[in-house]
Amino acid sequence: MKLDHTAAGVYAIAATPFHPDGRLDTASVDRLTDFYVECGVTGLTILGIMGEAPKLEPEESLAITRQVVKRAGVPIIVGVSAPGFAAMRSLARSAMDLGAAGVMIAPPPSLRTDDQIVGYYAQAVEAIGDDIPFVIQDYPLTLTVVMTPGVIRRIVMDHPSCVMLKHEDWPGLEKISRLRAFQAAGEMKPISILCGNGGLFLDFEMERGADGAMTGYAFPDMLVDVVKLQKAGRRDDAHDLFDAHLPLVRYEQQQGIGLAVRKYVLQKRGAIAHDAQRRPASGLTPAAKAEIDYLLGRVARYDARAKI
């Protein structure tokens, strides 16, 4: 199931479950994988930023990849970003050998010029091999690397193995429109565009030409429904459902505690046994948990899945 430019729908960014003492919770890895699949996701992305990948040992990264690929039955994208290309190559080649569909590569924060960004991806492809389909992660809010539509086009056109953009620019609607205009004019080969940022702009991103979402909001089933409704031309229904969840989506996007919020809700939904993060980690105060519970109650007025 190698990834290609036709990928669409929702690829959930998977959390990584831990026990309170920091050990991997392998039972919850299966439990969470089943949860995502039952929510109707098209695929999964593991070992991303919200998957706490930098906190994992190399052996743990491979163990999680092996476990998820074996269980999921849907395409798996593996985050392989690393400070050096040797580690990136090792994880990428091993993940593909285990049955992954492709890999995701984020630019290091040190990149500043267009040529530096393009050059970095050229070196990354040389390192992992041009037979591995890869995803560009465009996340300037966290990575501080700004990719213009022109830079993305250069990377896409330089590398046939580049099949997807994980679009997380903010604001980024015009970027989607520009990339699709390149494609319509024959100036860029087709690529899949899946959007992140917790789904915060998914309602309009779909209308600008995105193929779906790649994010980790704790209600991936809502994201699946919004994508389906938009593709069916049911614009108002899509926005109504999205709007009901928007206050919780916004709350989950807080810098510093976003992952804690997400894991708290996933635990309440029964997807993981513990909401623990591996240190260094942030936690939720009783006041924050009460606010989340309040928001869940409000969402449940429209969407019964939030009655937890």
C-alpha atoms as a PDB file:
ATOM      1  CA  MET A   1       0.000   0.000   0.000  1.00  0.00           C
ATOM      2  CA  LYS A   2       2.538   2.600  -1.095  1.00  0.00           C
ATOM      3  CA  LEU A   3       1.370   6.181  -0.740  1.00  0.00           C
ATOM      4  CA  ASP A   4       0.624   8.146  -3.908  1.00  0.00           C
ATOM      5  CA  HIS A   5      -0.863  11.474  -4.990  1.00  0.00           C
ATOM      6  CA  THR A   6      -4.432  10.128  -4.910  1.00  0.00           C
ATOM      7  CA  ALA A   7      -4.457   9.839  -1.106  1.00  0.00           C
ATOM      8  CA  ALA A   8      -7.531  11.507   0.379  1.00  0.00           C
ATOM      9  CA  GLY A   9      -9.801  11.444   3.407  1.00  0.00           C
ATOM     10  CA  VAL A  10      -8.483  11.579   6.962  1.00  0.00           C
ATOM     11  CA  TYR A  11      -5.065  10.357   8.064  1.00  0.00           C
ATOM     12  CA  ALA A  12      -5.212  10.670  11.832  1.00  0.00           C
ATOM     13  CA  ILE A  13      -2.048  11.828  13.555  1.00  0.00           C
ATOM     14  CA  ALA A  14      -1.752   9.164  16.219  1.00  0.00           C
ATOM     15  CA  ALA A  15      -0.854   9.902  19.798  1.00  0.00           C
ATOM     16  CA  THR A  16       1.675   7.629  21.472  1.00  0.00           C
ATOM     17  CA  PRO A  17       0.238   5.981  24.616  1.00  0.00           C
ATOM     18  CA  PHE A  18       2.348   5.817  27.760  1.00  0.00           C
ATOM     19  CA  HIS A  19       1.930   4.463  31.255  1.00  0.00           C
ATOM     20  CA  PRO A  20       2.115   7.066  34.054  1.00  0.00           C
ATOM     21  CA  ASP A  21       5.716   6.008  34.727  1.00  0.00           C
ATOM     22  CA  GLY A  22       6.731   6.779  31.130  1.00  0.00           C
ATOM     23  CA  ARG A  23       6.794   3.250  29.731  1.00  0.00           C
ATOM     24  CA  LEU A  24       5.178   2.610  26.371  1.00  0.00           C
ATOM     25  CA  ASP A  25       1.621   1.336  26.800  1.00  0.00           C
ATOM     26  CA  THR A  26       1.598  -1.325  24.109  1.00  0.00           C
ATOM     27  CA  ALA A  27      -1.907  -2.502  24.969  1.00  0.00           C
ATOM     28  CA  SER A  28      -3.184   1.014  24.362  1.00  0.00           C
ATOM     29  CA  VAL A  29      -1.312   1.164  21.043  1.00  0.00           C
ATOM     30  CA  ASP A  30      -3.642  -1.601  19.810  1.00  0.00           C
ATOM     31  CA  ARG A  31      -6.624   0.000  21.488  1.00  0.00           C
ATOM     32  CA  LEU A  32      -5.913   3.394  19.941  1.00  0.00           C
ATOM     33  CA  THR A  33      -5.266   1.909  16.503  1.00  0.00           C
ATOM     34  CA  ASP A  34      -8.632   0.151  16.636  1.00  0.00           C
ATOM     35  CA  PHE A  35     -10.282   3.389  17.748  1.00  0.00           C
ATOM     36  CA  TYR A  36      -8.944   5.342  14.784  1.00  0.00           C
ATOM     37  CA  VAL A  37      -9.934   2.654  12.299  1.00  0.00           C
ATOM     38  CA  GLU A  38     -13.427   2.395  13.806  1.00  0.00           C
ATOM     39  CA  CYS A  39     -13.735   6.179  13.383  1.00  0.00           C
ATOM     40  CA  GLY A  40     -13.412   5.643   9.642  1.00  0.00           C
ATOM     41  CA  VAL A  41      -9.968   7.091   8.976  1.00  0.00           C
ATOM     42  CA  THR A  42      -8.352   6.433   5.616  1.00  0.00           C
ATOM     43  CA  GLY A  43      -4.915   6.017   7.153  1.00  0.00           C
ATOM     44  CA  LEU A  44      -2.723   6.825  10.133  1.00  0.00           C
ATOM     45  CA  THR A  45       0.376   8.947  10.620  1.00  0.00           C
ATOM     46  CA  ILE A  46       2.581   7.846  13.489  1.00  0.00           C
ATOM     47  CA  LEU A  47       5.711   9.235  15.151  1.00  0.00           C
ATOM     48  CA  GLY A  48       4.796  12.835  14.415  1.00  0.00           C
ATOM     49  CA  ILE A  49       5.304  15.900  16.589  1.00  0.00           C
ATOM     50  CA  MET A  50       2.090  15.218  18.509  1.00  0.00           C
ATOM     51  CA  GLY A  51       3.139  11.567  18.738  1.00  0.00           C
ATOM     52  CA  GLU A  52       6.068  12.639  20.955  1.00  0.00           C
ATOM     53  CA  ALA A  53       8.498  11.076  18.479  1.00  0.00           C
ATOM     54  CA  PRO A  54      11.593  12.944  19.784  1.00  0.00           C
ATOM     55  CA  LYS A  55      11.052  11.297  23.178  1.00  0.00           C
ATOM     56  CA  LEU A  56      11.271   7.755  21.798  1.00  0.00           C
ATOM     57  CA  GLU A  57      14.270   5.460  21.555  1.00  0.00           C
ATOM     58  CA  PRO A  58      14.981   4.179  18.020  1.00  0.00           C
ATOM     59  CA  GLU A  59      13.943   0.678  19.056  1.00  0.00           C
ATOM     60  CA  GLU A  60      10.659   2.021  20.413  1.00  0.00           C
ATOM     61  CA  SER A  61       9.933   3.845  17.156  1.00  0.00           C
ATOM     62  CA  LEU A  62      10.378   0.620  15.211  1.00  0.00           C
ATOM     63  CA  ALA A  63       8.338  -1.376  17.715  1.00  0.00           C
ATOM     64  CA  ILE A  64       5.417   1.051  17.427  1.00  0.00           C
ATOM     65  CA  THR A  65       5.654   1.028  13.641  1.00  0.00           C
ATOM     66  CA  ARG A  66       5.641  -2.761  13.557  1.00  0.00           C
ATOM     67  CA  GLN A  67       2.670  -2.980  15.914  1.00  0.00           C
ATOM     68  CA  VAL A  68       0.521  -0.367  14.172  1.00  0.00           C
ATOM     69  CA  VAL A  69       1.240  -1.567  10.622  1.00  0.00           C
ATOM     70  CA  LYS A  70       0.398  -5.136  11.601  1.00  0.00           C
ATOM     71  CA  ARG A  71      -2.901  -4.183  13.229  1.00  0.00           C
ATOM     72  CA  ALA A  72      -4.325  -1.224  11.325  1.00  0.00           C
ATOM     73  CA  GLY A  73      -5.146  -2.563   7.871  1.00  0.00           C
ATOM     74  CA  VAL A  74      -4.938   0.999   6.486  1.00  0.00           C
ATOM     75  CA  PRO A  75      -1.958   2.902   5.020  1.00  0.00           C
ATOM     76  CA  ILE A  76       0.556   4.075   7.612  1.00  0.00           C
ATOM     77  CA  ILE A  77       2.772   7.137   7.196  1.00  0.00           C
ATOM     78  CA  VAL A  78       5.772   7.267   9.525  1.00  0.00           C
ATOM     79  CA  GLY A  79       7.381  10.504  10.660  1.00  0.00           C
ATOM     80  CA  VAL A  80      11.121  10.126  10.097  1.00  0.00           C
ATOM     81  CA  SER A  81      12.359  13.660  10.775  1.00  0.00           C
ATOM     82  CA  ALA A  82      15.703  13.599  12.539  1.00  0.00           C
ATOM     83  CA  PRO A  83      18.670  15.898  13.214  1.00  0.00           C
ATOM     84  CA  GLY A  84      20.842  13.845  10.865  1.00  0.00           C
ATOM     85  CA  PHE A  85      20.259  11.929   7.665  1.00  0.00           C
ATOM     86  CA  ALA A  86      21.734   8.671   8.961  1.00  0.00           C
ATOM     87  CA  ALA A  87      18.984   8.322  11.555  1.00  0.00           C
ATOM     88  CA  MET A  88      16.364   9.444   9.013  1.00  0.00           C
ATOM     89  CA  ARG A  89      17.509   6.857   6.489  1.00  0.00           C
ATOM     90  CA  SER A  90      17.603   4.069   9.063  1.00  0.00           C
ATOM     91  CA  LEU A  91      14.048   4.706  10.293  1.00  0.00           C
ATOM     92  CA  ALA A  92      12.655   5.325   6.795  1.00  0.00           C
ATOM     93  CA  ARG A  93      14.107   2.161   5.263  1.00  0.00           C
ATOM     94  CA  SER A  94      13.145   0.059   8.290  1.00  0.00           C
ATOM     95  CA  ALA A  95       9.595   1.459   8.379  1.00  0.00           C
ATOM     96  CA  MET A  96       9.054   0.669   4.697  1.00  0.00           C
ATOM     97  CA  ASP A  97      10.429  -2.844   5.227  1.00  0.00           C
ATOM     98  CA  LEU A  98       7.816  -3.264   7.975  1.00  0.00           C
ATOM     99  CA  GLY A  99       5.025  -2.314   5.570  1.00  0.00           C
ATOM    100  CA  ALA A 100       4.605   1.453   5.941  1.00  0.00           C
ATOM    101  CA  ALA A 101       3.022   3.300   3.012  1.00  0.00           C
ATOM    102  CA  GLY A 102       5.375   6.281   3.110  1.00  0.00           C
ATOM    103  CA  VAL A 103       7.251   8.700   5.342  1.00  0.00           C
ATOM    104  CA  MET A 104       6.886  12.305   6.426  1.00  0.00           C
ATOM    105  CA  ILE A 105       9.811  14.727   6.542  1.00  0.00           C
ATOM    106  CA  ALA A 106       9.778  18.066   8.359  1.00  0.00           C
ATOM    107  CA  PRO A 107      12.406  20.739   7.646  1.00  0.00           C
ATOM    108  CA  PRO A 108      14.810  21.609  10.486  1.00  0.00           C
ATOM    109  CA  PRO A 109      14.251  25.055  12.058  1.00  0.00           C
ATOM    110  CA  SER A 110      17.660  26.268  10.857  1.00  0.00           C
ATOM    111  CA  LEU A 111      16.491  26.628   7.247  1.00  0.00           C
ATOM    112  CA  ARG A 112      15.752  30.190   6.173  1.00  0.00           C
ATOM    113  CA  THR A 113      16.151  30.721   2.426  1.00  0.00           C
ATOM    114  CA  ASP A 114      14.212  29.102  -0.399  1.00  0.00           C
ATOM    115  CA  ASP A 115      17.368  27.471  -1.751  1.00  0.00           C
ATOM    116  CA  GLN A 116      18.216  26.041   1.668  1.00  0.00           C
ATOM    117  CA  ILE A 117      14.773  24.435   1.936  1.00  0.00           C
ATOM    118  CA  VAL A 118      14.903  22.976  -1.576  1.00  0.00           C
ATOM    119  CA  GLY A 119      18.454  21.756  -0.986  1.00  0.00           C
ATOM    120  CA  TYR A 120      17.518  20.095   2.292  1.00  0.00           C
ATOM    121  CA  TYR A 121      14.766  18.025   0.703  1.00  0.00           C
ATOM    122  CA  ALA A 122      17.108  17.045  -2.133  1.00  0.00           C
ATOM    123  CA  GLN A 123      19.596  15.735   0.425  1.00  0.00           C
ATOM    124  CA  ALA A 124      16.842  13.989   2.373  1.00  0.00           C
ATOM    125  CA  VAL A 125      15.620  12.158  -0.728  1.00  0.00           C
ATOM    126  CA  GLU A 126      19.176  11.172  -1.574  1.00  0.00           C
ATOM    127  CA  ALA A 127      19.564   9.811   1.951  1.00  0.00           C
ATOM    128  CA  ILE A 128      16.369   7.746   2.226  1.00  0.00           C
ATOM    129  CA  GLY A 129      16.182   6.728  -1.432  1.00  0.00           C
ATOM    130  CA  ASP A 130      13.932   7.950  -4.213  1.00  0.00           C
ATOM    131  CA  ASP A 131      11.847   4.766  -4.038  1.00  0.00           C
ATOM    132  CA  ILE A 132      10.189   5.865  -0.781  1.00  0.00           C
ATOM    133  CA  PRO A 133       7.082   8.068  -1.147  1.00  0.00           C
ATOM    134  CA  PHE A 134       7.355  11.080   1.118  1.00  0.00           C
ATOM    135  CA  VAL A 135       5.230  13.848   2.567  1.00  0.00           C
ATOM    136  CA  ILE A 136       6.401  17.443   2.992  1.00  0.00           C
ATOM    137  CA  GLN A 137       5.447  18.731   6.433  1.00  0.00           C
ATOM    138  CA  ASP A 138       4.775  22.457   6.135  1.00  0.00           C
ATOM    139  CA  TYR A 139       4.303  23.647   9.727  1.00  0.00           C
ATOM    140  CA  PRO A 140       5.846  27.116  10.110  1.00  0.00           C
ATOM    141  CA  LEU A 141       4.087  27.890  13.400  1.00  0.00           C
ATOM    142  CA  THR A 142       6.169  25.269  15.195  1.00  0.00           C
ATOM    143  CA  LEU A 143       9.101  24.619  12.860  1.00  0.00           C
ATOM    144  CA  THR A 144       9.642  28.343  11.988  1.00  0.00           C
ATOM    145  CA  VAL A 145      10.403  27.415   8.361  1.00  0.00           C
ATOM    146  CA  VAL A 146       8.287  29.331   5.851  1.00  0.00           C
ATOM    147  CA  MET A 147       7.677  27.535   2.568  1.00  0.00           C
ATOM    148  CA  THR A 148       6.162  29.583  -0.226  1.00  0.00           C
ATOM    149  CA  PRO A 149       3.963  27.901  -2.843  1.00  0.00           C
ATOM    150  CA  GLY A 150       6.858  28.320  -5.278  1.00  0.00           C
ATOM    151  CA  VAL A 151       9.243  26.433  -2.993  1.00  0.00           C
ATOM    152  CA  ILE A 152       6.756  23.612  -2.534  1.00  0.00           C
ATOM    153  CA  ARG A 153       6.315  23.419  -6.299  1.00  0.00           C
ATOM    154  CA  ARG A 154      10.102  23.159  -6.761  1.00  0.00           C
ATOM    155  CA  ILE A 155      10.335  20.270  -4.298  1.00  0.00           C
ATOM    156  CA  VAL A 156       7.359  18.482  -5.834  1.00  0.00           C
ATOM    157  CA  MET A 157       8.684  18.854  -9.382  1.00  0.00           C
ATOM    158  CA  ASP A 158      12.247  17.885  -8.443  1.00  0.00           C
ATOM    159  CA  HIS A 159      11.206  14.632  -6.756  1.00  0.00           C
ATOM    160  CA  PRO A 160       8.721  12.131  -8.205  1.00  0.00           C
ATOM    161  CA  SER A 161       8.679  10.460  -4.784  1.00  0.00           C
ATOM    162  CA  CYS A 162       7.060  13.569  -3.267  1.00  0.00           C
ATOM    163  CA  VAL A 163       3.369  12.668  -3.304  1.00  0.00           C
ATOM    164  CA  MET A 164       1.770  14.685  -0.507  1.00  0.00           C
ATOM    165  CA  LEU A 165       1.850  17.995   1.322  1.00  0.00           C
ATOM    166  CA  LYS A 166       0.867  18.117   4.971  1.00  0.00           C
ATOM    167  CA  HIS A 167      -0.408  21.668   4.965  1.00  0.00           C
ATOM    168  CA  GLU A 168      -0.218  23.378   8.362  1.00  0.00           C
ATOM    169  CA  ASP A 169       0.452  26.977   7.456  1.00  0.00           C
ATOM    170  CA  TRP A 170      -1.711  29.502   9.279  1.00  0.00           C
ATOM    171  CA  PRO A 171      -3.257  31.377   7.605  1.00  0.00           C
ATOM    172  CA  GLY A 172      -2.922  29.058   4.662  1.00  0.00           C
ATOM    173  CA  LEU A 173      -6.077  29.055   2.558  1.00  0.00           C
ATOM    174  CA  GLU A 174      -4.504  31.131  -0.195  1.00  0.00           C
ATOM    175  CA  LYS A 175      -1.547  28.739  -0.313  1.00  0.00           C
ATOM    176  CA  ILE A 176      -3.881  25.835  -1.094  1.00  0.00           C
ATOM    177  CA  SER A 177      -5.553  27.850  -3.853  1.00  0.00           C
ATOM    178  CA  ARG A 178      -2.180  28.801  -5.329  1.00  0.00           C
ATOM    179  CA  LEU A 179      -0.915  25.218  -5.369  1.00  0.00           C
ATOM    180  CA  ARG A 180      -4.080  23.973  -7.036  1.00  0.00           C
ATOM    181  CA  ALA A 181      -3.744  26.779  -9.590  1.00  0.00           C
ATOM    182  CA  PHE A 182      -0.212  25.572 -10.386  1.00  0.00           C
ATOM    183  CA  GLN A 183      -1.619  22.102 -10.877  1.00  0.00           C
ATOM    184  CA  ALA A 184      -4.526  23.280 -13.062  1.00  0.00           C
ATOM    185  CA  ALA A 185      -2.115  25.216 -15.275  1.00  0.00           C
ATOM    186  CA  GLY A 186       0.112  22.172 -15.736  1.00  0.00           C
ATOM    187  CA  GLU A 187       2.921  23.855 -13.804  1.00  0.00           C
ATOM    188  CA  MET A 188       3.008  21.252 -11.007  1.00  0.00           C
ATOM    189  CA  LYS A 189       2.290  17.549 -10.977  1.00  0.00           C
ATOM    190  CA  PRO A 190      -0.722  16.435  -8.928  1.00  0.00           C
ATOM    191  CA  ILE A 191      -0.155  15.930  -5.226  1.00  0.00           C
ATOM    192  CA  SER A 192      -2.352  15.094  -2.292  1.00  0.00           C
ATOM    193  CA  ILE A 193      -2.934  17.953   0.156  1.00  0.00           C
ATOM    194  CA  LEU A 194      -4.005  16.991   3.666  1.00  0.00           C
ATOM    195  CA  CYS A 195      -4.352  19.657   6.335  1.00  0.00           C
ATOM    196  CA  GLY A 196      -3.368  19.830   9.988  1.00  0.00           C
ATOM    197  CA  ASN A 197      -3.649  22.433  12.768  1.00  0.00           C
ATOM    198  CA  GLY A 198      -6.081  20.211  14.659  1.00  0.00           C
ATOM    199  CA  GLY A 199      -8.604  20.657  11.875  1.00  0.00           C
ATOM    200  CA  LEU A 200      -9.057  24.312  12.843  1.00  0.00           C
ATOM    201  CA  PHE A 201      -9.635  25.457   9.245  1.00  0.00           C
ATOM    202  CA  LEU A 202     -10.791  22.186   7.675  1.00  0.00           C
ATOM    203  CA  ASP A 203     -14.217  23.526   6.732  1.00  0.00           C
ATOM    204  CA  PHE A 204     -12.773  26.039   4.273  1.00  0.00           C
ATOM    205  CA  GLU A 205      -9.612  24.085   3.438  1.00  0.00           C
ATOM    206  CA  MET A 206     -11.777  21.456   1.759  1.00  0.00           C
ATOM    207  CA  GLU A 207     -13.445  24.157  -0.293  1.00  0.00           C
ATOM    208  CA  ARG A 208     -10.054  25.502  -1.406  1.00  0.00           C
ATOM    209  CA  GLY A 209      -9.006  22.136  -2.803  1.00  0.00           C
ATOM    210  CA  ALA A 210      -7.610  20.095   0.076  1.00  0.00           C
ATOM    211  CA  ASP A 211      -8.120  16.346  -0.171  1.00  0.00           C
ATOM    212  CA  GLY A 212      -8.786  15.905   3.518  1.00  0.00           C
ATOM    213  CA  ALA A 213      -7.125  16.161   6.912  1.00  0.00           C
ATOM    214  CA  MET A 214      -3.984  14.872   8.584  1.00  0.00           C
ATOM    215  CA  THR A 215      -4.322  15.888  12.170  1.00  0.00           C
ATOM    216  CA  GLY A 216      -4.966  14.536  15.636  1.00  0.00           C
ATOM    217  CA  TYR A 217      -8.153  16.144  16.938  1.00  0.00           C
ATOM    218  CA  ALA A 218      -9.639  13.769  19.489  1.00  0.00           C
ATOM    219  CA  PHE A 219     -12.791  13.325  17.387  1.00  0.00           C
ATOM    220  CA  PRO A 220     -11.354  11.983  14.121  1.00  0.00           C
ATOM    221  CA  ASP A 221     -14.818  10.662  13.315  1.00  0.00           C
ATOM    222  CA  MET A 222     -16.016  14.286  13.094  1.00  0.00           C
ATOM    223  CA  LEU A 223     -13.199  15.090  10.660  1.00  0.00           C
ATOM    224  CA  VAL A 224     -14.160  12.052   8.577  1.00  0.00           C
ATOM    225  CA  ASP A 225     -17.770  13.228   8.440  1.00  0.00           C
ATOM    226  CA  VAL A 226     -16.853  16.810   7.498  1.00  0.00           C
ATOM    227  CA  VAL A 227     -14.666  15.583   4.636  1.00  0.00           C
ATOM    228  CA  LYS A 228     -17.416  13.272   3.375  1.00  0.00           C
ATOM    229  CA  LEU A 229     -20.093  15.976   3.621  1.00  0.00           C
ATOM    230  CA  GLN A 230     -17.947  18.474   1.732  1.00  0.00           C
ATOM    231  CA  LYS A 231     -17.197  15.956  -1.004  1.00  0.00           C
ATOM    232  CA  ALA A 232     -20.913  15.211  -1.280  1.00  0.00           C
ATOM    233  CA  GLY A 233     -21.639  18.909  -1.788  1.00  0.00           C
ATOM    234  CA  ARG A 234     -23.462  19.236   1.538  1.00  0.00           C
ATOM    235  CA  ARG A 235     -21.719  22.457   2.508  1.00  0.00           C
ATOM    236  CA  ASP A 236     -24.117  23.666   5.198  1.00  0.00           C
ATOM    237  CA  ASP A 237     -24.244  20.263   6.899  1.00  0.00           C
ATOM    238  CA  ALA A 238     -20.454  20.132   6.914  1.00  0.00           C
ATOM    239  CA  HIS A 239     -20.182  23.589   8.466  1.00  0.00           C
ATOM    240  CA  ASP A 240     -22.899  22.868  11.033  1.00  0.00           C
ATOM    241  CA  LEU A 241     -21.083  19.791  12.293  1.00  0.00           C
ATOM    242  CA  PHE A 242     -17.724  21.550  12.225  1.00  0.00           C
ATOM    243  CA  ASP A 243     -19.081  24.596  14.048  1.00  0.00           C
ATOM    244  CA  ALA A 244     -20.427  22.425  16.870  1.00  0.00           C
ATOM    245  CA  HIS A 245     -16.904  21.114  17.527  1.00  0.00           C
ATOM    246  CA  LEU A 246     -15.031  24.353  16.884  1.00  0.00           C
ATOM    247  CA  PRO A 247     -14.793  25.539  20.530  1.00  0.00           C
ATOM    248  CA  LEU A 248     -13.165  22.228  21.512  1.00  0.00           C
ATOM    249  CA  VAL A 249     -10.926  22.256  18.423  1.00  0.00           C
ATOM    250  CA  ARG A 250      -9.793  25.747  19.429  1.00  0.00           C
ATOM    251  CA  TYR A 251      -9.184  24.719  23.045  1.00  0.00           C
ATOM    252  CA  GLU A 252      -7.098  21.756  21.918  1.00  0.00           C
ATOM    253  CA  GLN A 253      -4.891  24.044  19.819  1.00  0.00           C
ATOM    254  CA  GLN A 254      -3.411  25.876  22.793  1.00  0.00           C
ATOM    255  CA  GLN A 255       0.366  25.930  22.661  1.00  0.00           C
ATOM    256  CA  GLY A 256       1.956  24.015  25.492  1.00  0.00           C
ATOM    257  CA  ILE A 257      -1.072  22.024  26.650  1.00  0.00           C
ATOM    258  CA  GLY A 258      -2.621  20.918  23.355  1.00  0.00           C
ATOM    259  CA  LEU A 259      -1.341  17.364  23.617  1.00  0.00           C
ATOM    260  CA  ALA A 260      -2.496  17.130  27.228  1.00  0.00           C
ATOM    261  CA  VAL A 261      -5.990  18.188  26.155  1.00  0.00           C
ATOM    262  CA  ARG A 262      -6.019  15.692  23.303  1.00  0.00           C
ATOM    263  CA  LYS A 263      -4.882  12.792  25.459  1.00  0.00           C
ATOM    264  CA  TYR A 264      -7.375  13.692  28.192  1.00  0.00           C
ATOM    265  CA  VAL A 265     -10.244  13.496  25.699  1.00  0.00           C
ATOM    266  CA  LEU A 266      -8.890  10.323  24.083  1.00  0.00           C
ATOM    267  CA  GLN A 267      -8.776   8.714  27.520  1.00  0.00           C
ATOM    268  CA  LYS A 268     -12.342   9.797  28.231  1.00  0.00           C
ATOM    269  CA  ARG A 269     -13.389   8.296  24.900  1.00  0.00           C
ATOM    270  CA  GLY A 270     -11.806   4.982  25.916  1.00  0.00           C
ATOM    271  CA  ALA A 271      -9.119   5.084  23.225  1.00  0.00           C
ATOM    272  CA  ILE A 272      -6.175   4.977  25.658  1.00  0.00           C
ATOM    273  CA  ALA A 273      -5.845   3.805  29.243  1.00  0.00           C
ATOM    274  CA  HIS A 274      -3.880   6.830  30.495  1.00  0.00           C
ATOM    275  CA  ASP A 275      -3.511  10.434  29.402  1.00  0.00           C
ATOM    276  CA  ALA A 276       0.170  10.362  30.377  1.00  0.00           C
ATOM    277  CA  GLN A 277       2.913  11.995  28.342  1.00  0.00           C
ATOM    278  CA  ARG A 278       6.573  11.107  28.475  1.00  0.00           C
ATOM    279  CA  ARG A 279       8.656  13.802  30.140  1.00  0.00           C
ATOM    280  CA  PRO A 280       9.253  16.614  29.550  1.00  0.00           C
ATOM    281  CA  ALA A 281       5.513  17.051  29.640  1.00  0.00           C
ATOM    282  CA  SER A 282       2.767  19.494  30.476  1.00  0.00           C
ATOM    283  CA  GLY A 283      -0.316  18.664  32.485  1.00  0.00           C
ATOM    284  CA  LEU A 284      -3.847  19.913  32.972  1.00  0.00           C
ATOM    285  CA  THR A 285      -5.048  21.677  36.083  1.00  0.00           C
ATOM    286  CA  PRO A 286      -8.415  20.756  37.602  1.00  0.00           C
ATOM    287  CA  ALA A 287      -9.766  24.025  36.181  1.00  0.00           C
ATOM    288  CA  ALA A 288      -8.653  23.077  32.667  1.00  0.00           C
ATOM    289  CA  LYS A 289     -10.216  19.634  32.938  1.00  0.00           C
ATOM    290  CA  ALA A 290     -13.465  21.201  34.084  1.00  0.00           C
ATOM    291  CA  GLU A 291     -13.418  23.520  31.072  1.00  0.00           C
ATOM    292  CA  ILE A 292     -12.873  20.592  28.710  1.00  0.00           C
ATOM    293  CA  ASP A 293     -15.716  18.669  30.315  1.00  0.00           C
ATOM    294  CA  TYR A 294     -17.940  21.722  29.898  1.00  0.00           C
ATOM    295  CA  LEU A 295     -17.021  22.005  26.224  1.00  0.00           C
ATOM    296  CA  LEU A 296     -17.700  18.301  25.689  1.00  0.00           C
ATOM    297  CA  GLY A 297     -21.160  18.814  27.146  1.00  0.00           C
ATOM    298  CA  ARG A 298     -21.819  21.657  24.754  1.00  0.00           C
ATOM    299  CA  VAL A 299     -20.604  19.665  21.747  1.00  0.00           C
ATOM    300  CA  ALA A 300     -22.855  16.790  22.833  1.00  0.00           C
ATOM    301  CA  ARG A 301     -25.917  18.975  22.290  1.00  0.00           C
ATOM    302  CA  TYR A 302     -25.274  18.585  18.567  1.00  0.00           C
ATOM    303  CA  ASP A 303     -23.078  15.477  18.335  1.00  0.00           C
ATOM    304  CA  ALA A 304     -23.912  12.564  20.636  1.00  0.00           C
ATOM    305  CA  ARG A 305     -20.371  11.187  20.292  1.00  0.00           C
ATOM    306  CA  ALA A 306     -19.261  13.818  22.803  1.00  0.00           C
ATOM    307  CA  LYS A 307     -21.454  12.393  25.564  1.00  0.00           C
ATOM    308  CA  ILE A 308     -18.564  10.853  27.470  1.00  0.00           C
END
